[in-house]
Amino acid sequence: MVAVVLAALLIMTYIIYQFHDRLFGLSAIAAMLHDTLVILGVFSLLGHFLGIEVDTLYVTAVLTILSFSTHDTVVVYDRIRELLAAFPSKPFSEVVNLALNETAVRSLNNSLTIVFMLLALVLLGGGSIRIFAIALLVGTISGAYSSMFTASPILVVWYEFLSRRQKLAAAKR
């Protein structure tokens, strides 16, 4: 847990620095929390039903997945930033939707390549790395999902909430 929290804080700091907006960092961390909870939940079930124990390879897999998920999220966020500069008059949600549409194929191809390799490791690899490969497989699928369907919608919801709040505050003045 300490490693995940430390990694999350460092990643959030980096994203806030790169995008000059705390909403991007907070949204990425929310998506990372989703990925962490999915992996933790799956391994809790595997531990309960199959007796699988968490070890250092599990921690390594979780941290690897967090970096993979963050990388996918940063690709989407970078495209959002580029499109915001290109279309400043478009509503934020439309810009995010356009960015997701433009990066979806890349993200899907990248994730499927990793999933196929990890499936081969789970099915054909040795017993010493099977649990590690399962953790990476679960995390890769969750990370691919959360980069597009968790981080970006959270970013849009927070952005629109803060925009409405600022408009209400300005109207009251």
N, C-alpha and C. Protein backbone atom coordinates (compact mmCIF):
# COMPACT_ATOMS: atom_id res chain seq x y z
N MET A 1 0.82 -1.20 0.00
CA MET A 1 0.00 0.00 0.00
C MET A 1 0.86 1.26 0.00
N VAL A 2 1.98 1.20 0.74
CA VAL A 2 2.87 2.36 0.79
C VAL A 2 3.44 2.64 -0.60
N ALA A 3 3.81 1.57 -1.31
CA ALA A 3 4.38 1.74 -2.65
C ALA A 3 3.35 2.33 -3.61
N VAL A 4 2.10 1.87 -3.50
CA VAL A 4 1.04 2.38 -4.38
C VAL A 4 0.76 3.85 -4.08
N VAL A 5 0.68 4.21 -2.81
CA VAL A 5 0.41 5.60 -2.43
C VAL A 5 1.57 6.50 -2.88
N LEU A 6 2.79 6.06 -2.66
CA LEU A 6 3.95 6.85 -3.08
C LEU A 6 3.97 7.02 -4.60
N ALA A 7 3.73 5.93 -5.32
CA ALA A 7 3.69 6.00 -6.79
C ALA A 7 2.58 6.93 -7.25
N ALA A 8 1.42 6.85 -6.62
CA ALA A 8 0.29 7.70 -7.00
C ALA A 8 0.61 9.18 -6.78
N LEU A 9 1.22 9.49 -5.66
CA LEU A 9 1.56 10.89 -5.38
C LEU A 9 2.59 11.42 -6.38
N LEU A 10 3.58 10.62 -6.70
CA LEU A 10 4.60 11.06 -7.66
C LEU A 10 4.00 11.22 -9.06
N ILE A 11 3.16 10.29 -9.46
CA ILE A 11 2.53 10.37 -10.78
C ILE A 11 1.60 11.57 -10.85
N MET A 12 0.82 11.79 -9.80
CA MET A 12 -0.08 12.94 -9.78
C MET A 12 0.70 14.25 -9.87
N THR A 13 1.80 14.33 -9.15
CA THR A 13 2.63 15.53 -9.21
C THR A 13 3.18 15.75 -10.61
N TYR A 14 3.62 14.68 -11.24
CA TYR A 14 4.15 14.79 -12.60
C TYR A 14 3.07 15.24 -13.58
N ILE A 15 1.89 14.66 -13.49
CA ILE A 15 0.80 15.00 -14.43
C ILE A 15 0.35 16.44 -14.21
N ILE A 16 0.22 16.86 -12.96
CA ILE A 16 -0.16 18.25 -12.68
C ILE A 16 0.90 19.20 -13.25
N TYR A 17 2.16 18.85 -13.10
CA TYR A 17 3.24 19.69 -13.62
C TYR A 17 3.19 19.74 -15.15
N GLN A 18 3.01 18.62 -15.79
CA GLN A 18 3.01 18.56 -17.24
C GLN A 18 1.81 19.26 -17.87
N PHE A 19 0.64 19.10 -17.27
CA PHE A 19 -0.58 19.64 -17.87
C PHE A 19 -1.02 20.95 -17.25
N HIS A 20 -0.32 21.41 -16.22
CA HIS A 20 -0.61 22.69 -15.57
C HIS A 20 -2.06 22.79 -15.10
N ASP A 21 -2.62 21.65 -14.68
CA ASP A 21 -4.00 21.62 -14.22
C ASP A 21 -4.17 20.46 -13.26
N ARG A 22 -4.62 20.76 -12.06
CA ARG A 22 -4.77 19.72 -11.05
C ARG A 22 -5.86 18.72 -11.40
N LEU A 23 -6.84 19.13 -12.21
CA LEU A 23 -7.91 18.21 -12.58
C LEU A 23 -7.39 17.01 -13.37
N PHE A 24 -6.40 17.23 -14.22
CA PHE A 24 -5.82 16.13 -14.98
C PHE A 24 -5.14 15.14 -14.03
N GLY A 25 -4.40 15.65 -13.07
CA GLY A 25 -3.72 14.78 -12.11
C GLY A 25 -4.69 14.02 -11.22
N LEU A 26 -5.69 14.71 -10.73
CA LEU A 26 -6.67 14.06 -9.85
C LEU A 26 -7.48 13.01 -10.60
N SER A 27 -7.82 13.28 -11.85
CA SER A 27 -8.57 12.31 -12.64
C SER A 27 -7.73 11.07 -12.93
N ALA A 28 -6.46 11.27 -13.21
CA ALA A 28 -5.57 10.14 -13.45
C ALA A 28 -5.43 9.28 -12.19
N ILE A 29 -5.36 9.93 -11.04
CA ILE A 29 -5.26 9.18 -9.78
C ILE A 29 -6.54 8.41 -9.50
N ALA A 30 -7.68 8.99 -9.83
CA ALA A 30 -8.95 8.27 -9.65
C ALA A 30 -8.98 7.02 -10.53
N ALA A 31 -8.48 7.12 -11.75
CA ALA A 31 -8.41 5.95 -12.62
C ALA A 31 -7.43 4.92 -12.07
N MET A 32 -6.31 5.40 -11.52
CA MET A 32 -5.35 4.48 -10.90
C MET A 32 -5.95 3.77 -9.70
N LEU A 33 -6.75 4.48 -8.93
CA LEU A 33 -7.43 3.87 -7.79
C LEU A 33 -8.35 2.76 -8.28
N HIS A 34 -9.05 3.00 -9.38
CA HIS A 34 -9.91 1.98 -9.98
C HIS A 34 -9.09 0.74 -10.32
N ASP A 35 -7.96 0.93 -10.98
CA ASP A 35 -7.11 -0.20 -11.37
C ASP A 35 -6.60 -0.97 -10.16
N THR A 36 -6.18 -0.23 -9.14
CA THR A 36 -5.68 -0.87 -7.93
C THR A 36 -6.77 -1.68 -7.25
N LEU A 37 -7.97 -1.13 -7.18
CA LEU A 37 -9.08 -1.85 -6.54
C LEU A 37 -9.49 -3.09 -7.33
N VAL A 38 -9.44 -3.02 -8.65
CA VAL A 38 -9.77 -4.19 -9.48
C VAL A 38 -8.77 -5.31 -9.23
N ILE A 39 -7.48 -4.98 -9.28
CA ILE A 39 -6.45 -6.01 -9.06
C ILE A 39 -6.56 -6.57 -7.64
N LEU A 40 -6.75 -5.69 -6.68
CA LEU A 40 -6.88 -6.13 -5.29
C LEU A 40 -8.10 -7.03 -5.11
N GLY A 41 -9.22 -6.65 -5.72
CA GLY A 41 -10.42 -7.46 -5.63
C GLY A 41 -10.28 -8.83 -6.27
N VAL A 42 -9.69 -8.87 -7.45
CA VAL A 42 -9.50 -10.15 -8.14
C VAL A 42 -8.58 -11.05 -7.32
N PHE A 43 -7.50 -10.49 -6.80
CA PHE A 43 -6.57 -11.31 -6.03
C PHE A 43 -7.12 -11.68 -4.66
N SER A 44 -8.03 -10.89 -4.13
CA SER A 44 -8.71 -11.30 -2.90
C SER A 44 -9.56 -12.53 -3.16
N LEU A 45 -10.27 -12.52 -4.28
CA LEU A 45 -11.08 -13.69 -4.65
C LEU A 45 -10.21 -14.90 -4.96
N LEU A 46 -9.12 -14.68 -5.71
CA LEU A 46 -8.21 -15.79 -6.01
C LEU A 46 -7.58 -16.35 -4.74
N GLY A 47 -7.25 -15.48 -3.81
CA GLY A 47 -6.68 -15.93 -2.55
C GLY A 47 -7.68 -16.71 -1.73
N HIS A 48 -8.92 -16.26 -1.72
CA HIS A 48 -9.95 -16.94 -0.94
C HIS A 48 -10.29 -18.31 -1.53
N PHE A 49 -10.47 -18.36 -2.85
CA PHE A 49 -10.93 -19.60 -3.47
C PHE A 49 -9.80 -20.54 -3.90
N LEU A 50 -8.64 -19.99 -4.29
CA LEU A 50 -7.56 -20.83 -4.80
C LEU A 50 -6.32 -20.83 -3.92
N GLY A 51 -6.34 -20.05 -2.86
CA GLY A 51 -5.21 -20.02 -1.94
C GLY A 51 -3.98 -19.29 -2.46
N ILE A 52 -4.18 -18.42 -3.46
CA ILE A 52 -3.06 -17.66 -4.01
C ILE A 52 -2.64 -16.59 -3.00
N GLU A 53 -1.33 -16.51 -2.75
CA GLU A 53 -0.81 -15.54 -1.80
C GLU A 53 -0.16 -14.38 -2.53
N VAL A 54 -0.24 -13.22 -1.90
CA VAL A 54 0.38 -12.01 -2.44
C VAL A 54 1.85 -12.02 -2.04
N ASP A 55 2.71 -11.73 -3.02
CA ASP A 55 4.15 -11.66 -2.74
C ASP A 55 4.75 -10.44 -3.43
N THR A 56 6.05 -10.37 -3.48
CA THR A 56 6.70 -9.20 -4.07
C THR A 56 6.44 -9.10 -5.57
N LEU A 57 6.25 -10.23 -6.25
CA LEU A 57 5.92 -10.17 -7.68
C LEU A 57 4.56 -9.52 -7.89
N TYR A 58 3.64 -9.74 -6.96
CA TYR A 58 2.32 -9.11 -7.04
C TYR A 58 2.47 -7.60 -6.93
N VAL A 59 3.26 -7.15 -5.97
CA VAL A 59 3.49 -5.71 -5.80
C VAL A 59 4.14 -5.13 -7.05
N THR A 60 5.08 -5.86 -7.61
CA THR A 60 5.72 -5.42 -8.85
C THR A 60 4.71 -5.31 -9.98
N ALA A 61 3.82 -6.29 -10.07
CA ALA A 61 2.78 -6.27 -11.11
C ALA A 61 1.84 -5.08 -10.92
N VAL A 62 1.45 -4.80 -9.69
CA VAL A 62 0.55 -3.66 -9.43
C VAL A 62 1.22 -2.36 -9.84
N LEU A 63 2.45 -2.16 -9.46
CA LEU A 63 3.15 -0.92 -9.82
C LEU A 63 3.36 -0.82 -11.33
N THR A 64 3.61 -1.95 -11.98
CA THR A 64 3.76 -1.95 -13.44
C THR A 64 2.45 -1.56 -14.11
N ILE A 65 1.36 -2.08 -13.61
CA ILE A 65 0.05 -1.77 -14.17
C ILE A 65 -0.29 -0.31 -13.96
N LEU A 66 0.04 0.24 -12.82
CA LEU A 66 -0.23 1.66 -12.58
C LEU A 66 0.54 2.52 -13.57
N SER A 67 1.76 2.14 -13.88
CA SER A 67 2.52 2.93 -14.85
C SER A 67 1.95 2.75 -16.26
N PHE A 68 1.54 1.55 -16.60
CA PHE A 68 0.94 1.31 -17.92
C PHE A 68 -0.36 2.10 -18.07
N SER A 69 -1.20 2.04 -17.07
CA SER A 69 -2.47 2.76 -17.10
C SER A 69 -2.24 4.27 -17.19
N THR A 70 -1.28 4.75 -16.43
CA THR A 70 -0.97 6.18 -16.46
C THR A 70 -0.45 6.59 -17.83
N HIS A 71 0.35 5.75 -18.44
CA HIS A 71 0.87 6.05 -19.77
C HIS A 71 -0.28 6.19 -20.76
N ASP A 72 -1.22 5.27 -20.73
CA ASP A 72 -2.39 5.37 -21.62
C ASP A 72 -3.20 6.63 -21.33
N THR A 73 -3.36 6.95 -20.06
CA THR A 73 -4.12 8.13 -19.69
C THR A 73 -3.41 9.40 -20.17
N VAL A 74 -2.09 9.44 -20.04
CA VAL A 74 -1.33 10.61 -20.48
C VAL A 74 -1.44 10.79 -21.99
N VAL A 75 -1.48 9.70 -22.74
CA VAL A 75 -1.64 9.80 -24.20
C VAL A 75 -2.97 10.47 -24.53
N VAL A 76 -4.03 10.05 -23.85
CA VAL A 76 -5.35 10.66 -24.07
C VAL A 76 -5.33 12.12 -23.64
N TYR A 77 -4.76 12.40 -22.47
CA TYR A 77 -4.71 13.77 -21.96
C TYR A 77 -3.89 14.68 -22.87
N ASP A 78 -2.81 14.15 -23.41
CA ASP A 78 -2.00 14.96 -24.32
C ASP A 78 -2.79 15.32 -25.57
N ARG A 79 -3.57 14.38 -26.05
CA ARG A 79 -4.41 14.66 -27.22
C ARG A 79 -5.49 15.68 -26.86
N ILE A 80 -6.03 15.60 -25.65
CA ILE A 80 -7.01 16.60 -25.19
C ILE A 80 -6.37 17.98 -25.19
N ARG A 81 -5.16 18.07 -24.66
CA ARG A 81 -4.45 19.35 -24.61
C ARG A 81 -4.23 19.92 -26.01
N GLU A 82 -3.82 19.06 -26.94
CA GLU A 82 -3.60 19.51 -28.32
C GLU A 82 -4.90 20.00 -28.96
N LEU A 83 -5.98 19.28 -28.73
CA LEU A 83 -7.26 19.66 -29.33
C LEU A 83 -7.86 20.90 -28.67
N LEU A 84 -7.60 21.10 -27.38
CA LEU A 84 -8.05 22.33 -26.72
C LEU A 84 -7.39 23.55 -27.35
N ALA A 85 -6.12 23.41 -27.71
CA ALA A 85 -5.42 24.52 -28.36
C ALA A 85 -5.94 24.73 -29.78
N ALA A 86 -6.28 23.65 -30.45
CA ALA A 86 -6.75 23.74 -31.85
C ALA A 86 -8.19 24.23 -31.94
N PHE A 87 -9.02 23.86 -30.96
CA PHE A 87 -10.44 24.22 -30.98
C PHE A 87 -10.84 24.87 -29.65
N PRO A 88 -10.40 26.10 -29.41
CA PRO A 88 -10.67 26.73 -28.11
C PRO A 88 -12.13 27.06 -27.88
N SER A 89 -12.92 27.15 -28.93
CA SER A 89 -14.33 27.51 -28.75
C SER A 89 -15.24 26.29 -28.57
N LYS A 90 -14.72 25.10 -28.82
CA LYS A 90 -15.53 23.89 -28.65
C LYS A 90 -15.74 23.60 -27.17
N PRO A 91 -16.89 23.05 -26.82
CA PRO A 91 -17.11 22.65 -25.42
C PRO A 91 -16.10 21.58 -24.99
N PHE A 92 -15.74 21.63 -23.73
CA PHE A 92 -14.71 20.72 -23.21
C PHE A 92 -15.08 19.26 -23.43
N SER A 93 -16.34 18.90 -23.20
CA SER A 93 -16.75 17.51 -23.36
C SER A 93 -16.61 17.03 -24.80
N GLU A 94 -16.86 17.91 -25.75
CA GLU A 94 -16.69 17.53 -27.16
C GLU A 94 -15.22 17.33 -27.51
N VAL A 95 -14.36 18.16 -26.95
CA VAL A 95 -12.92 18.01 -27.19
C VAL A 95 -12.43 16.68 -26.61
N VAL A 96 -12.89 16.35 -25.41
CA VAL A 96 -12.49 15.09 -24.79
C VAL A 96 -13.01 13.91 -25.62
N ASN A 97 -14.24 13.99 -26.08
CA ASN A 97 -14.80 12.93 -26.91
C ASN A 97 -13.99 12.75 -28.19
N LEU A 98 -13.63 13.85 -28.82
CA LEU A 98 -12.81 13.79 -30.03
C LEU A 98 -11.44 13.17 -29.75
N ALA A 99 -10.84 13.54 -28.64
CA ALA A 99 -9.54 12.98 -28.26
C ALA A 99 -9.65 11.48 -28.01
N LEU A 100 -10.71 11.06 -27.35
CA LEU A 100 -10.91 9.63 -27.11
C LEU A 100 -11.09 8.87 -28.41
N ASN A 101 -11.87 9.44 -29.32
CA ASN A 101 -12.07 8.79 -30.61
C ASN A 101 -10.77 8.66 -31.39
N GLU A 102 -9.92 9.67 -31.29
CA GLU A 102 -8.66 9.66 -32.03
C GLU A 102 -7.61 8.73 -31.42
N THR A 103 -7.70 8.47 -30.13
CA THR A 103 -6.69 7.62 -29.48
C THR A 103 -7.20 6.21 -29.18
N ALA A 104 -8.46 5.93 -29.43
CA ALA A 104 -9.04 4.63 -29.07
C ALA A 104 -8.37 3.47 -29.79
N VAL A 105 -8.17 3.60 -31.08
CA VAL A 105 -7.58 2.50 -31.85
C VAL A 105 -6.16 2.23 -31.37
N ARG A 106 -5.39 3.28 -31.14
CA ARG A 106 -4.02 3.11 -30.65
C ARG A 106 -4.01 2.41 -29.30
N SER A 107 -4.88 2.84 -28.40
CA SER A 107 -4.93 2.24 -27.07
C SER A 107 -5.38 0.78 -27.14
N LEU A 108 -6.37 0.51 -27.95
CA LEU A 108 -6.87 -0.86 -28.08
C LEU A 108 -5.79 -1.78 -28.67
N ASN A 109 -5.13 -1.33 -29.72
CA ASN A 109 -4.06 -2.14 -30.33
C ASN A 109 -2.92 -2.40 -29.35
N ASN A 110 -2.53 -1.37 -28.63
CA ASN A 110 -1.47 -1.51 -27.64
C ASN A 110 -1.87 -2.50 -26.55
N SER A 111 -3.08 -2.37 -26.05
CA SER A 111 -3.55 -3.25 -24.98
C SER A 111 -3.71 -4.69 -25.44
N LEU A 112 -4.25 -4.88 -26.64
CA LEU A 112 -4.43 -6.24 -27.14
C LEU A 112 -3.10 -6.94 -27.36
N THR A 113 -2.10 -6.22 -27.82
CA THR A 113 -0.77 -6.80 -27.99
C THR A 113 -0.25 -7.32 -26.66
N ILE A 114 -0.42 -6.53 -25.62
CA ILE A 114 0.05 -6.93 -24.29
C ILE A 114 -0.80 -8.08 -23.75
N VAL A 115 -2.11 -8.03 -23.96
CA VAL A 115 -3.00 -9.09 -23.47
C VAL A 115 -2.64 -10.44 -24.11
N PHE A 116 -2.40 -10.46 -25.41
CA PHE A 116 -2.05 -11.72 -26.09
C PHE A 116 -0.74 -12.29 -25.56
N MET A 117 0.23 -11.45 -25.34
CA MET A 117 1.50 -11.90 -24.79
C MET A 117 1.32 -12.44 -23.37
N LEU A 118 0.53 -11.76 -22.57
CA LEU A 118 0.31 -12.21 -21.19
C LEU A 118 -0.51 -13.49 -21.15
N LEU A 119 -1.47 -13.64 -22.05
CA LEU A 119 -2.22 -14.90 -22.13
C LEU A 119 -1.29 -16.07 -22.44
N ALA A 120 -0.35 -15.84 -23.35
CA ALA A 120 0.63 -16.88 -23.66
C ALA A 120 1.46 -17.21 -22.43
N LEU A 121 1.85 -16.21 -21.65
CA LEU A 121 2.62 -16.47 -20.43
C LEU A 121 1.80 -17.23 -19.39
N VAL A 122 0.52 -16.87 -19.26
CA VAL A 122 -0.33 -17.56 -18.28
C VAL A 122 -0.53 -19.02 -18.69
N LEU A 123 -0.78 -19.25 -19.97
CA LEU A 123 -1.08 -20.60 -20.43
C LEU A 123 0.15 -21.46 -20.65
N LEU A 124 1.24 -20.88 -21.11
CA LEU A 124 2.42 -21.65 -21.49
C LEU A 124 3.64 -21.42 -20.60
N GLY A 125 3.60 -20.37 -19.81
CA GLY A 125 4.75 -20.03 -18.97
C GLY A 125 4.86 -20.95 -17.77
N GLY A 126 5.96 -20.83 -17.09
CA GLY A 126 6.20 -21.65 -15.91
C GLY A 126 5.39 -21.19 -14.71
N GLY A 127 5.33 -22.06 -13.73
CA GLY A 127 4.56 -21.77 -12.53
C GLY A 127 5.11 -20.62 -11.72
N SER A 128 6.40 -20.35 -11.85
CA SER A 128 7.01 -19.30 -11.04
C SER A 128 6.55 -17.90 -11.45
N ILE A 129 6.11 -17.72 -12.70
CA ILE A 129 5.67 -16.40 -13.14
C ILE A 129 4.18 -16.35 -13.46
N ARG A 130 3.47 -17.44 -13.26
CA ARG A 130 2.06 -17.49 -13.63
C ARG A 130 1.23 -16.46 -12.86
N ILE A 131 1.42 -16.35 -11.56
CA ILE A 131 0.65 -15.40 -10.75
C ILE A 131 0.98 -13.97 -11.17
N PHE A 132 2.26 -13.72 -11.43
CA PHE A 132 2.70 -12.42 -11.91
C PHE A 132 2.01 -12.09 -13.23
N ALA A 133 1.98 -13.05 -14.14
CA ALA A 133 1.35 -12.84 -15.45
C ALA A 133 -0.15 -12.64 -15.31
N ILE A 134 -0.79 -13.34 -14.40
CA ILE A 134 -2.23 -13.16 -14.16
C ILE A 134 -2.50 -11.75 -13.64
N ALA A 135 -1.67 -11.30 -12.69
CA ALA A 135 -1.85 -9.94 -12.16
C ALA A 135 -1.67 -8.91 -13.26
N LEU A 136 -0.65 -9.10 -14.10
CA LEU A 136 -0.45 -8.17 -15.21
C LEU A 136 -1.60 -8.22 -16.20
N LEU A 137 -2.14 -9.39 -16.46
CA LEU A 137 -3.25 -9.55 -17.40
C LEU A 137 -4.49 -8.82 -16.89
N VAL A 138 -4.84 -9.07 -15.64
CA VAL A 138 -6.01 -8.39 -15.05
C VAL A 138 -5.80 -6.89 -15.05
N GLY A 139 -4.63 -6.46 -14.67
CA GLY A 139 -4.33 -5.02 -14.61
C GLY A 139 -4.30 -4.37 -15.98
N THR A 140 -3.80 -5.08 -16.98
CA THR A 140 -3.76 -4.52 -18.33
C THR A 140 -5.17 -4.30 -18.86
N ILE A 141 -6.02 -5.27 -18.65
CA ILE A 141 -7.41 -5.13 -19.10
C ILE A 141 -8.10 -3.99 -18.35
N SER A 142 -7.91 -3.95 -17.05
CA SER A 142 -8.50 -2.88 -16.24
C SER A 142 -7.92 -1.52 -16.61
N GLY A 143 -6.61 -1.47 -16.83
CA GLY A 143 -5.95 -0.21 -17.17
C GLY A 143 -6.38 0.33 -18.52
N ALA A 144 -6.56 -0.58 -19.48
CA ALA A 144 -7.02 -0.14 -20.81
C ALA A 144 -8.42 0.44 -20.71
N TYR A 145 -9.24 -0.20 -19.89
CA TYR A 145 -10.61 0.29 -19.70
C TYR A 145 -10.61 1.64 -18.98
N SER A 146 -9.86 1.72 -17.90
CA SER A 146 -9.93 2.93 -17.07
C SER A 146 -9.32 4.15 -17.75
N SER A 147 -8.34 3.96 -18.61
CA SER A 147 -7.72 5.10 -19.29
C SER A 147 -8.73 5.85 -20.14
N MET A 148 -9.62 5.10 -20.76
CA MET A 148 -10.59 5.73 -21.65
C MET A 148 -11.93 5.98 -20.97
N PHE A 149 -12.37 5.05 -20.15
CA PHE A 149 -13.73 5.11 -19.64
C PHE A 149 -13.86 5.51 -18.18
N THR A 150 -12.74 5.77 -17.53
CA THR A 150 -12.80 6.25 -16.15
C THR A 150 -12.12 7.62 -16.03
N ALA A 151 -10.87 7.72 -16.47
CA ALA A 151 -10.11 8.96 -16.28
C ALA A 151 -10.72 10.13 -17.04
N SER A 152 -11.04 9.92 -18.30
CA SER A 152 -11.57 11.03 -19.11
C SER A 152 -12.97 11.48 -18.68
N PRO A 153 -13.90 10.55 -18.41
CA PRO A 153 -15.20 11.02 -17.91
C PRO A 153 -15.12 11.74 -16.56
N ILE A 154 -14.24 11.27 -15.68
CA ILE A 154 -14.07 11.97 -14.40
C ILE A 154 -13.54 13.37 -14.65
N LEU A 155 -12.61 13.50 -15.58
CA LEU A 155 -12.07 14.82 -15.93
C LEU A 155 -13.18 15.74 -16.44
N VAL A 156 -14.04 15.23 -17.29
CA VAL A 156 -15.14 16.04 -17.84
C VAL A 156 -16.12 16.44 -16.75
N VAL A 157 -16.49 15.50 -15.89
CA VAL A 157 -17.45 15.80 -14.82
C VAL A 157 -16.89 16.86 -13.88
N TRP A 158 -15.64 16.71 -13.45
CA TRP A 158 -15.04 17.70 -12.56
C TRP A 158 -14.89 19.05 -13.24
N TYR A 159 -14.49 19.04 -14.50
CA TYR A 159 -14.32 20.29 -15.23
C TYR A 159 -15.66 21.03 -15.35
N GLU A 160 -16.70 20.31 -15.72
CA GLU A 160 -18.02 20.95 -15.87
C GLU A 160 -18.58 21.39 -14.53
N PHE A 161 -18.34 20.63 -13.47
CA PHE A 161 -18.78 21.02 -12.13
C PHE A 161 -18.12 22.33 -11.70
N LEU A 162 -16.81 22.40 -11.88
CA LEU A 162 -16.09 23.62 -11.50
C LEU A 162 -16.46 24.81 -12.38
N SER A 163 -16.72 24.55 -13.67
CA SER A 163 -17.14 25.64 -14.56
C SER A 163 -18.50 26.20 -14.13
N ARG A 164 -19.44 25.31 -13.82
CA ARG A 164 -20.76 25.77 -13.35
C ARG A 164 -20.64 26.53 -12.04
N ARG A 165 -19.78 26.04 -11.16
CA ARG A 165 -19.58 26.69 -9.86
C ARG A 165 -18.99 28.09 -10.04
N GLN A 166 -18.05 28.23 -10.97
CA GLN A 166 -17.45 29.54 -11.23
C GLN A 166 -18.47 30.49 -11.85
N LYS A 167 -19.31 29.99 -12.74
CA LYS A 167 -20.35 30.83 -13.36
C LYS A 167 -21.36 31.30 -12.32
N LEU A 168 -21.74 30.41 -11.39
CA LEU A 168 -22.66 30.80 -10.32
C LEU A 168 -22.03 31.84 -9.41
N ALA A 169 -20.76 31.66 -9.10
CA ALA A 169 -20.08 32.63 -8.24
C ALA A 169 -19.97 33.98 -8.93
N ALA A 170 -19.70 33.97 -10.23
CA ALA A 170 -19.60 35.23 -10.99
C ALA A 170 -20.97 35.90 -11.09
N ALA A 171 -22.03 35.12 -11.22
CA ALA A 171 -23.38 35.69 -11.33
C ALA A 171 -23.82 36.30 -10.00
N LYS A 172 -23.37 35.77 -8.89
CA LYS A 172 -23.73 36.30 -7.58
C LYS A 172 -23.04 37.63 -7.28
N ARG A 173 -21.94 37.88 -7.95
CA ARG A 173 -21.19 39.13 -7.69
C ARG A 173 -21.86 40.23 -8.35
